[in-house]
Amino acid sequence: MKKSTLQEMNDSDLIKRKNTLKGVLIGFGVIFILALGTMISLYTNKPFNPVLFIPCLVIAITLLPLFVIYNTIITEIKSRNI
């Protein structure tokens, strides 16, 4: 299957991809906030355990490429004046 670049996509596909990525980012953001809250509550109730920070680090690292792709799509939409 051929991979299409953002320049080759039509306007409706570009907007659809932007909306999908926005939903994914919101979902991961909610999970990140819940994990952070859980980590803080476990940290206050129990002694320090560095394993508690692993989920928050993994989610943060997962969000970085999604933000880059999302910003690239936003730039392409602005360049087309959609």
PDB file of N, CA and C in Angstrom:
ATOM      1  N   MET A   1       0.836  -1.175   0.000  1.00  0.00           N
ATOM      2  CA  MET A   1       0.000   0.000   0.000  1.00  0.00           C
ATOM      3  C   MET A   1       0.888   1.248   0.000  1.00  0.00           C
ATOM      4  N   LYS A   2       0.560   2.168  -0.860  1.00  0.00           N
ATOM      5  CA  LYS A   2       1.371   3.382  -0.988  1.00  0.00           C
ATOM      6  C   LYS A   2       1.069   4.356   0.149  1.00  0.00           C
ATOM      7  N   LYS A   3       2.117   4.897   0.719  1.00  0.00           N
ATOM      8  CA  LYS A   3       1.988   5.878   1.773  1.00  0.00           C
ATOM      9  C   LYS A   3       1.804   7.256   1.152  1.00  0.00           C
ATOM     10  N   SER A   4       0.748   7.959   1.529  1.00  0.00           N
ATOM     11  CA  SER A   4       0.536   9.274   0.944  1.00  0.00           C
ATOM     12  C   SER A   4       1.106  10.362   1.846  1.00  0.00           C
ATOM     13  N   THR A   5       1.734  11.332   1.224  1.00  0.00           N
ATOM     14  CA  THR A   5       2.266  12.447   1.984  1.00  0.00           C
ATOM     15  C   THR A   5       1.158  13.477   2.182  1.00  0.00           C
ATOM     16  N   LEU A   6       1.418  14.431   3.036  1.00  0.00           N
ATOM     17  CA  LEU A   6       0.403  15.439   3.325  1.00  0.00           C
ATOM     18  C   LEU A   6       0.107  16.303   2.107  1.00  0.00           C
ATOM     19  N   GLN A   7       1.110  16.539   1.268  1.00  0.00           N
ATOM     20  CA  GLN A   7       0.896  17.356   0.084  1.00  0.00           C
ATOM     21  C   GLN A   7      -0.007  16.652  -0.934  1.00  0.00           C
ATOM     22  N   GLU A   8       0.006  15.326  -0.943  1.00  0.00           N
ATOM     23  CA  GLU A   8      -0.797  14.561  -1.894  1.00  0.00           C
ATOM     24  C   GLU A   8      -2.230  14.359  -1.424  1.00  0.00           C
ATOM     25  N   MET A   9      -2.501  14.587  -0.157  1.00  0.00           N
ATOM     26  CA  MET A   9      -3.841  14.354   0.383  1.00  0.00           C
ATOM     27  C   MET A   9      -4.779  15.487  -0.016  1.00  0.00           C
ATOM     28  N   ASN A  10      -6.070  15.127  -0.211  1.00  0.00           N
ATOM     29  CA  ASN A  10      -7.030  16.188  -0.500  1.00  0.00           C
ATOM     30  C   ASN A  10      -7.474  16.845   0.815  1.00  0.00           C
ATOM     31  N   ASP A  11      -8.227  17.915   0.705  1.00  0.00           N
ATOM     32  CA  ASP A  11      -8.574  18.725   1.870  1.00  0.00           C
ATOM     33  C   ASP A  11      -9.397  17.954   2.908  1.00  0.00           C
ATOM     34  N   SER A  12     -10.356  17.174   2.456  1.00  0.00           N
ATOM     35  CA  SER A  12     -11.217  16.459   3.408  1.00  0.00           C
ATOM     36  C   SER A  12     -10.440  15.386   4.173  1.00  0.00           C
ATOM     37  N   ASP A  13      -9.521  14.694   3.487  1.00  0.00           N
ATOM     38  CA  ASP A  13      -8.702  13.694   4.176  1.00  0.00           C
ATOM     39  C   ASP A  13      -7.768  14.339   5.193  1.00  0.00           C
ATOM     40  N   LEU A  14      -7.256  15.505   4.845  1.00  0.00           N
ATOM     41  CA  LEU A  14      -6.354  16.226   5.741  1.00  0.00           C
ATOM     42  C   LEU A  14      -7.087  16.675   7.006  1.00  0.00           C
ATOM     43  N   ILE A  15      -8.300  17.183   6.844  1.00  0.00           N
ATOM     44  CA  ILE A  15      -9.095  17.617   7.996  1.00  0.00           C
ATOM     45  C   ILE A  15      -9.508  16.408   8.827  1.00  0.00           C
ATOM     46  N   LYS A  16      -9.839  15.298   8.159  1.00  0.00           N
ATOM     47  CA  LYS A  16     -10.214  14.082   8.878  1.00  0.00           C
ATOM     48  C   LYS A  16      -9.045  13.564   9.717  1.00  0.00           C
ATOM     49  N   ARG A  17      -7.847  13.583   9.151  1.00  0.00           N
ATOM     50  CA  ARG A  17      -6.660  13.132   9.885  1.00  0.00           C
ATOM     51  C   ARG A  17      -6.364  14.062  11.057  1.00  0.00           C
ATOM     52  N   LYS A  18      -6.543  15.373  10.847  1.00  0.00           N
ATOM     53  CA  LYS A  18      -6.327  16.339  11.929  1.00  0.00           C
ATOM     54  C   LYS A  18      -7.287  16.081  13.084  1.00  0.00           C
ATOM     55  N   ASN A  19      -8.557  15.856  12.767  1.00  0.00           N
ATOM     56  CA  ASN A  19      -9.545  15.599  13.818  1.00  0.00           C
ATOM     57  C   ASN A  19      -9.273  14.284  14.551  1.00  0.00           C
ATOM     58  N   THR A  20      -8.823  13.272  13.825  1.00  0.00           N
ATOM     59  CA  THR A  20      -8.484  11.996  14.458  1.00  0.00           C
ATOM     60  C   THR A  20      -7.306  12.157  15.412  1.00  0.00           C
ATOM     61  N   LEU A  21      -6.271  12.840  14.958  1.00  0.00           N
ATOM     62  CA  LEU A  21      -5.102  13.055  15.817  1.00  0.00           C
ATOM     63  C   LEU A  21      -5.449  13.910  17.028  1.00  0.00           C
ATOM     64  N   LYS A  22      -6.336  14.861  16.852  1.00  0.00           N
ATOM     65  CA  LYS A  22      -6.757  15.701  17.971  1.00  0.00           C
ATOM     66  C   LYS A  22      -7.465  14.857  19.025  1.00  0.00           C
ATOM     67  N   GLY A  23      -8.315  13.927  18.590  1.00  0.00           N
ATOM     68  CA  GLY A  23      -8.988  13.026  19.521  1.00  0.00           C
ATOM     69  C   GLY A  23      -8.022  12.115  20.247  1.00  0.00           C
ATOM     70  N   VAL A  24      -7.040  11.599  19.520  1.00  0.00           N
ATOM     71  CA  VAL A  24      -6.029  10.729  20.131  1.00  0.00           C
ATOM     72  C   VAL A  24      -5.213  11.505  21.160  1.00  0.00           C
ATOM     73  N   LEU A  25      -4.832  12.737  20.820  1.00  0.00           N
ATOM     74  CA  LEU A  25      -4.065  13.559  21.754  1.00  0.00           C
ATOM     75  C   LEU A  25      -4.874  13.884  23.004  1.00  0.00           C
ATOM     76  N   ILE A  26      -6.150  14.166  22.844  1.00  0.00           N
ATOM     77  CA  ILE A  26      -6.994  14.437  24.009  1.00  0.00           C
ATOM     78  C   ILE A  26      -7.109  13.189  24.874  1.00  0.00           C
ATOM     79  N   GLY A  27      -7.301  12.034  24.243  1.00  0.00           N
ATOM     80  CA  GLY A  27      -7.400  10.781  24.993  1.00  0.00           C
ATOM     81  C   GLY A  27      -6.126  10.471  25.766  1.00  0.00           C
ATOM     82  N   PHE A  28      -4.984  10.584  25.094  1.00  0.00           N
ATOM     83  CA  PHE A  28      -3.713  10.346  25.788  1.00  0.00           C
ATOM     84  C   PHE A  28      -3.465  11.384  26.875  1.00  0.00           C
ATOM     85  N   GLY A  29      -3.922  12.615  26.643  1.00  0.00           N
ATOM     86  CA  GLY A  29      -3.774  13.651  27.663  1.00  0.00           C
ATOM     87  C   GLY A  29      -4.562  13.328  28.918  1.00  0.00           C
ATOM     88  N   VAL A  30      -5.775  12.820  28.744  1.00  0.00           N
ATOM     89  CA  VAL A  30      -6.601  12.434  29.898  1.00  0.00           C
ATOM     90  C   VAL A  30      -5.949  11.275  30.641  1.00  0.00           C
ATOM     91  N   ILE A  31      -5.462  10.287  29.894  1.00  0.00           N
ATOM     92  CA  ILE A  31      -4.784   9.149  30.528  1.00  0.00           C
ATOM     93  C   ILE A  31      -3.536   9.618  31.270  1.00  0.00           C
ATOM     94  N   PHE A  32      -2.799  10.552  30.675  1.00  0.00           N
ATOM     95  CA  PHE A  32      -1.596  11.088  31.314  1.00  0.00           C
ATOM     96  C   PHE A  32      -1.944  11.788  32.627  1.00  0.00           C
ATOM     97  N   ILE A  33      -2.995  12.584  32.622  1.00  0.00           N
ATOM     98  CA  ILE A  33      -3.402  13.289  33.844  1.00  0.00           C
ATOM     99  C   ILE A  33      -3.851  12.293  34.912  1.00  0.00           C
ATOM    100  N   LEU A  34      -4.594  11.264  34.508  1.00  0.00           N
ATOM    101  CA  LEU A  34      -5.016  10.239  35.475  1.00  0.00           C
ATOM    102  C   LEU A  34      -3.814   9.479  36.035  1.00  0.00           C
ATOM    103  N   ALA A  35      -2.874   9.141  35.187  1.00  0.00           N
ATOM    104  CA  ALA A  35      -1.671   8.433  35.656  1.00  0.00           C
ATOM    105  C   ALA A  35      -0.854   9.316  36.584  1.00  0.00           C
ATOM    106  N   LEU A  36      -0.758  10.591  36.257  1.00  0.00           N
ATOM    107  CA  LEU A  36      -0.022  11.522  37.105  1.00  0.00           C
ATOM    108  C   LEU A  36      -0.696  11.667  38.468  1.00  0.00           C
ATOM    109  N   GLY A  37      -2.022  11.768  38.473  1.00  0.00           N
ATOM    110  CA  GLY A  37      -2.751  11.850  39.739  1.00  0.00           C
ATOM    111  C   GLY A  37      -2.606  10.595  40.571  1.00  0.00           C
ATOM    112  N   THR A  38      -2.666   9.445  39.913  1.00  0.00           N
ATOM    113  CA  THR A  38      -2.480   8.174  40.621  1.00  0.00           C
ATOM    114  C   THR A  38      -1.075   8.081  41.181  1.00  0.00           C
ATOM    115  N   MET A  39      -0.090   8.502  40.404  1.00  0.00           N
ATOM    116  CA  MET A  39       1.297   8.465  40.862  1.00  0.00           C
ATOM    117  C   MET A  39       1.482   9.365  42.082  1.00  0.00           C
ATOM    118  N   ILE A  40       0.899  10.550  42.053  1.00  0.00           N
ATOM    119  CA  ILE A  40       1.028  11.466  43.181  1.00  0.00           C
ATOM    120  C   ILE A  40       0.343  10.907  44.420  1.00  0.00           C
ATOM    121  N   SER A  41      -0.834  10.310  44.249  1.00  0.00           N
ATOM    122  CA  SER A  41      -1.527   9.759  45.424  1.00  0.00           C
ATOM    123  C   SER A  41      -0.774   8.551  45.990  1.00  0.00           C
ATOM    124  N   LEU A  42      -0.202   7.721  45.129  1.00  0.00           N
ATOM    125  CA  LEU A  42       0.589   6.597  45.626  1.00  0.00           C
ATOM    126  C   LEU A  42       1.867   7.076  46.299  1.00  0.00           C
ATOM    127  N   TYR A  43       2.442   8.139  45.769  1.00  0.00           N
ATOM    128  CA  TYR A  43       3.673   8.689  46.345  1.00  0.00           C
ATOM    129  C   TYR A  43       3.410   9.265  47.738  1.00  0.00           C
ATOM    130  N   THR A  44       2.255   9.894  47.933  1.00  0.00           N
ATOM    131  CA  THR A  44       1.962  10.478  49.242  1.00  0.00           C
ATOM    132  C   THR A  44       1.611   9.412  50.275  1.00  0.00           C
ATOM    133  N   ASN A  45       1.072   8.281  49.833  1.00  0.00           N
ATOM    134  CA  ASN A  45       0.646   7.238  50.768  1.00  0.00           C
ATOM    135  C   ASN A  45       1.721   6.195  51.048  1.00  0.00           C
ATOM    136  N   LYS A  46       2.672   6.059  50.157  1.00  0.00           N
ATOM    137  CA  LYS A  46       3.709   5.032  50.309  1.00  0.00           C
ATOM    138  C   LYS A  46       5.082   5.673  50.180  1.00  0.00           C
ATOM    139  N   PRO A  47       6.127   4.970  50.575  1.00  0.00           N
ATOM    140  CA  PRO A  47       7.479   5.519  50.375  1.00  0.00           C
ATOM    141  C   PRO A  47       7.812   5.637  48.885  1.00  0.00           C
ATOM    142  N   PHE A  48       8.834   6.408  48.586  1.00  0.00           N
ATOM    143  CA  PHE A  48       9.222   6.682  47.198  1.00  0.00           C
ATOM    144  C   PHE A  48       9.575   5.397  46.467  1.00  0.00           C
ATOM    145  N   ASN A  49       9.006   5.234  45.275  1.00  0.00           N
ATOM    146  CA  ASN A  49       9.296   4.093  44.420  1.00  0.00           C
ATOM    147  C   ASN A  49       9.481   4.624  42.997  1.00  0.00           C
ATOM    148  N   PRO A  50      10.676   4.523  42.441  1.00  0.00           N
ATOM    149  CA  PRO A  50      10.913   5.090  41.104  1.00  0.00           C
ATOM    150  C   PRO A  50      10.127   4.405  39.992  1.00  0.00           C
ATOM    151  N   VAL A  51       9.601   3.216  40.230  1.00  0.00           N
ATOM    152  CA  VAL A  51       8.819   2.510  39.214  1.00  0.00           C
ATOM    153  C   VAL A  51       7.530   3.266  38.911  1.00  0.00           C
ATOM    154  N   LEU A  52       7.068   4.079  39.865  1.00  0.00           N
ATOM    155  CA  LEU A  52       5.841   4.837  39.651  1.00  0.00           C
ATOM    156  C   LEU A  52       5.970   5.846  38.516  1.00  0.00           C
ATOM    157  N   PHE A  53       7.172   6.282  38.214  1.00  0.00           N
ATOM    158  CA  PHE A  53       7.362   7.293  37.185  1.00  0.00           C
ATOM    159  C   PHE A  53       7.394   6.720  35.770  1.00  0.00           C
ATOM    160  N   ILE A  54       7.528   5.419  35.617  1.00  0.00           N
ATOM    161  CA  ILE A  54       7.654   4.801  34.292  1.00  0.00           C
ATOM    162  C   ILE A  54       6.424   5.051  33.414  1.00  0.00           C
ATOM    163  N   PRO A  55       5.182   4.838  33.892  1.00  0.00           N
ATOM    164  CA  PRO A  55       4.036   5.096  33.009  1.00  0.00           C
ATOM    165  C   PRO A  55       3.947   6.539  32.538  1.00  0.00           C
ATOM    166  N   CYS A  56       4.247   7.475  33.407  1.00  0.00           N
ATOM    167  CA  CYS A  56       4.182   8.885  33.006  1.00  0.00           C
ATOM    168  C   CYS A  56       5.245   9.216  31.969  1.00  0.00           C
ATOM    169  N   LEU A  57       6.420   8.641  32.101  1.00  0.00           N
ATOM    170  CA  LEU A  57       7.477   8.880  31.121  1.00  0.00           C
ATOM    171  C   LEU A  57       7.128   8.260  29.768  1.00  0.00           C
ATOM    172  N   VAL A  58       6.552   7.072  29.784  1.00  0.00           N
ATOM    173  CA  VAL A  58       6.196   6.393  28.538  1.00  0.00           C
ATOM    174  C   VAL A  58       5.099   7.166  27.814  1.00  0.00           C
ATOM    175  N   ILE A  59       4.099   7.629  28.546  1.00  0.00           N
ATOM    176  CA  ILE A  59       3.010   8.380  27.920  1.00  0.00           C
ATOM    177  C   ILE A  59       3.542   9.700  27.360  1.00  0.00           C
ATOM    178  N   ALA A  60       4.421  10.366  28.100  1.00  0.00           N
ATOM    179  CA  ALA A  60       4.985  11.632  27.620  1.00  0.00           C
ATOM    180  C   ALA A  60       5.806  11.422  26.352  1.00  0.00           C
ATOM    181  N   ILE A  61       6.575  10.343  26.304  1.00  0.00           N
ATOM    182  CA  ILE A  61       7.375  10.043  25.111  1.00  0.00           C
ATOM    183  C   ILE A  61       6.470   9.678  23.936  1.00  0.00           C
ATOM    184  N   THR A  62       5.351   9.032  24.205  1.00  0.00           N
ATOM    185  CA  THR A  62       4.397   8.680  23.161  1.00  0.00           C
ATOM    186  C   THR A  62       3.730   9.921  22.579  1.00  0.00           C
ATOM    187  N   LEU A  63       3.503  10.923  23.394  1.00  0.00           N
ATOM    188  CA  LEU A  63       2.823  12.128  22.931  1.00  0.00           C
ATOM    189  C   LEU A  63       3.688  12.995  22.017  1.00  0.00           C
ATOM    190  N   LEU A  64       4.984  12.963  22.163  1.00  0.00           N
ATOM    191  CA  LEU A  64       5.856  13.840  21.384  1.00  0.00           C
ATOM    192  C   LEU A  64       5.721  13.659  19.870  1.00  0.00           C
ATOM    193  N   PRO A  65       5.802  12.437  19.321  1.00  0.00           N
ATOM    194  CA  PRO A  65       5.640  12.301  17.864  1.00  0.00           C
ATOM    195  C   PRO A  65       4.246  12.690  17.394  1.00  0.00           C
ATOM    196  N   LEU A  66       3.235  12.450  18.237  1.00  0.00           N
ATOM    197  CA  LEU A  66       1.878  12.832  17.852  1.00  0.00           C
ATOM    198  C   LEU A  66       1.749  14.346  17.733  1.00  0.00           C
ATOM    199  N   PHE A  67       2.383  15.087  18.650  1.00  0.00           N
ATOM    200  CA  PHE A  67       2.368  16.543  18.562  1.00  0.00           C
ATOM    201  C   PHE A  67       3.088  17.032  17.311  1.00  0.00           C
ATOM    202  N   VAL A  68       4.178  16.388  16.951  1.00  0.00           N
ATOM    203  CA  VAL A  68       4.929  16.781  15.756  1.00  0.00           C
ATOM    204  C   VAL A  68       4.075  16.567  14.508  1.00  0.00           C
ATOM    205  N   ILE A  69       3.429  15.417  14.401  1.00  0.00           N
ATOM    206  CA  ILE A  69       2.575  15.128  13.249  1.00  0.00           C
ATOM    207  C   ILE A  69       1.393  16.087  13.204  1.00  0.00           C
ATOM    208  N   TYR A  70       0.798  16.343  14.359  1.00  0.00           N
ATOM    209  CA  TYR A  70      -0.351  17.254  14.436  1.00  0.00           C
ATOM    210  C   TYR A  70       0.050  18.658  13.980  1.00  0.00           C
ATOM    211  N   ASN A  71       1.193  19.138  14.441  1.00  0.00           N
ATOM    212  CA  ASN A  71       1.643  20.466  14.032  1.00  0.00           C
ATOM    213  C   ASN A  71       1.976  20.528  12.543  1.00  0.00           C
ATOM    214  N   THR A  72       2.481  19.432  11.984  1.00  0.00           N
ATOM    215  CA  THR A  72       2.754  19.379  10.551  1.00  0.00           C
ATOM    216  C   THR A  72       1.455  19.464   9.757  1.00  0.00           C
ATOM    217  N   ILE A  73       0.429  18.781  10.231  1.00  0.00           N
ATOM    218  CA  ILE A  73      -0.870  18.831   9.560  1.00  0.00           C
ATOM    219  C   ILE A  73      -1.465  20.231   9.654  1.00  0.00           C
ATOM    220  N   ILE A  74      -1.356  20.856  10.809  1.00  0.00           N
ATOM    221  CA  ILE A  74      -1.863  22.222  10.974  1.00  0.00           C
ATOM    222  C   ILE A  74      -1.135  23.174  10.012  1.00  0.00           C
ATOM    223  N   THR A  75       0.175  23.006   9.875  1.00  0.00           N
ATOM    224  CA  THR A  75       0.950  23.844   8.965  1.00  0.00           C
ATOM    225  C   THR A  75       0.494  23.650   7.526  1.00  0.00           C
ATOM    226  N   GLU A  76       0.245  22.407   7.136  1.00  0.00           N
ATOM    227  CA  GLU A  76      -0.210  22.119   5.774  1.00  0.00           C
ATOM    228  C   GLU A  76      -1.602  22.714   5.530  1.00  0.00           C
ATOM    229  N   ILE A  77      -2.474  22.625   6.520  1.00  0.00           N
ATOM    230  CA  ILE A  77      -3.817  23.211   6.379  1.00  0.00           C
ATOM    231  C   ILE A  77      -3.721  24.725   6.234  1.00  0.00           C
ATOM    232  N   LYS A  78      -2.851  25.361   7.008  1.00  0.00           N
ATOM    233  CA  LYS A  78      -2.687  26.818   6.898  1.00  0.00           C
ATOM    234  C   LYS A  78      -2.083  27.209   5.560  1.00  0.00           C
ATOM    235  N   SER A  79      -1.176  26.391   5.031  1.00  0.00           N
ATOM    236  CA  SER A  79      -0.562  26.723   3.749  1.00  0.00           C
ATOM    237  C   SER A  79      -1.570  26.611   2.602  1.00  0.00           C
ATOM    238  N   ARG A  80      -2.588  25.767   2.768  1.00  0.00           N
ATOM    239  CA  ARG A  80      -3.630  25.638   1.757  1.00  0.00           C
ATOM    240  C   ARG A  80      -4.774  26.626   1.952  1.00  0.00           C
ATOM    241  N   ASN A  81      -4.778  27.335   3.053  1.00  0.00           N
ATOM    242  CA  ASN A  81      -5.846  28.280   3.393  1.00  0.00           C
ATOM    243  C   ASN A  81      -7.214  27.607   3.461  1.00  0.00           C
ATOM    244  N   ILE A  82      -7.249  26.486   4.167  1.00  0.00           N
ATOM    245  CA  ILE A  82      -8.521  25.747   4.341  1.00  0.00           C
ATOM    246  C   ILE A  82      -9.282  26.367   5.494  1.00  0.00           C
TER     247      ILE A  82
END
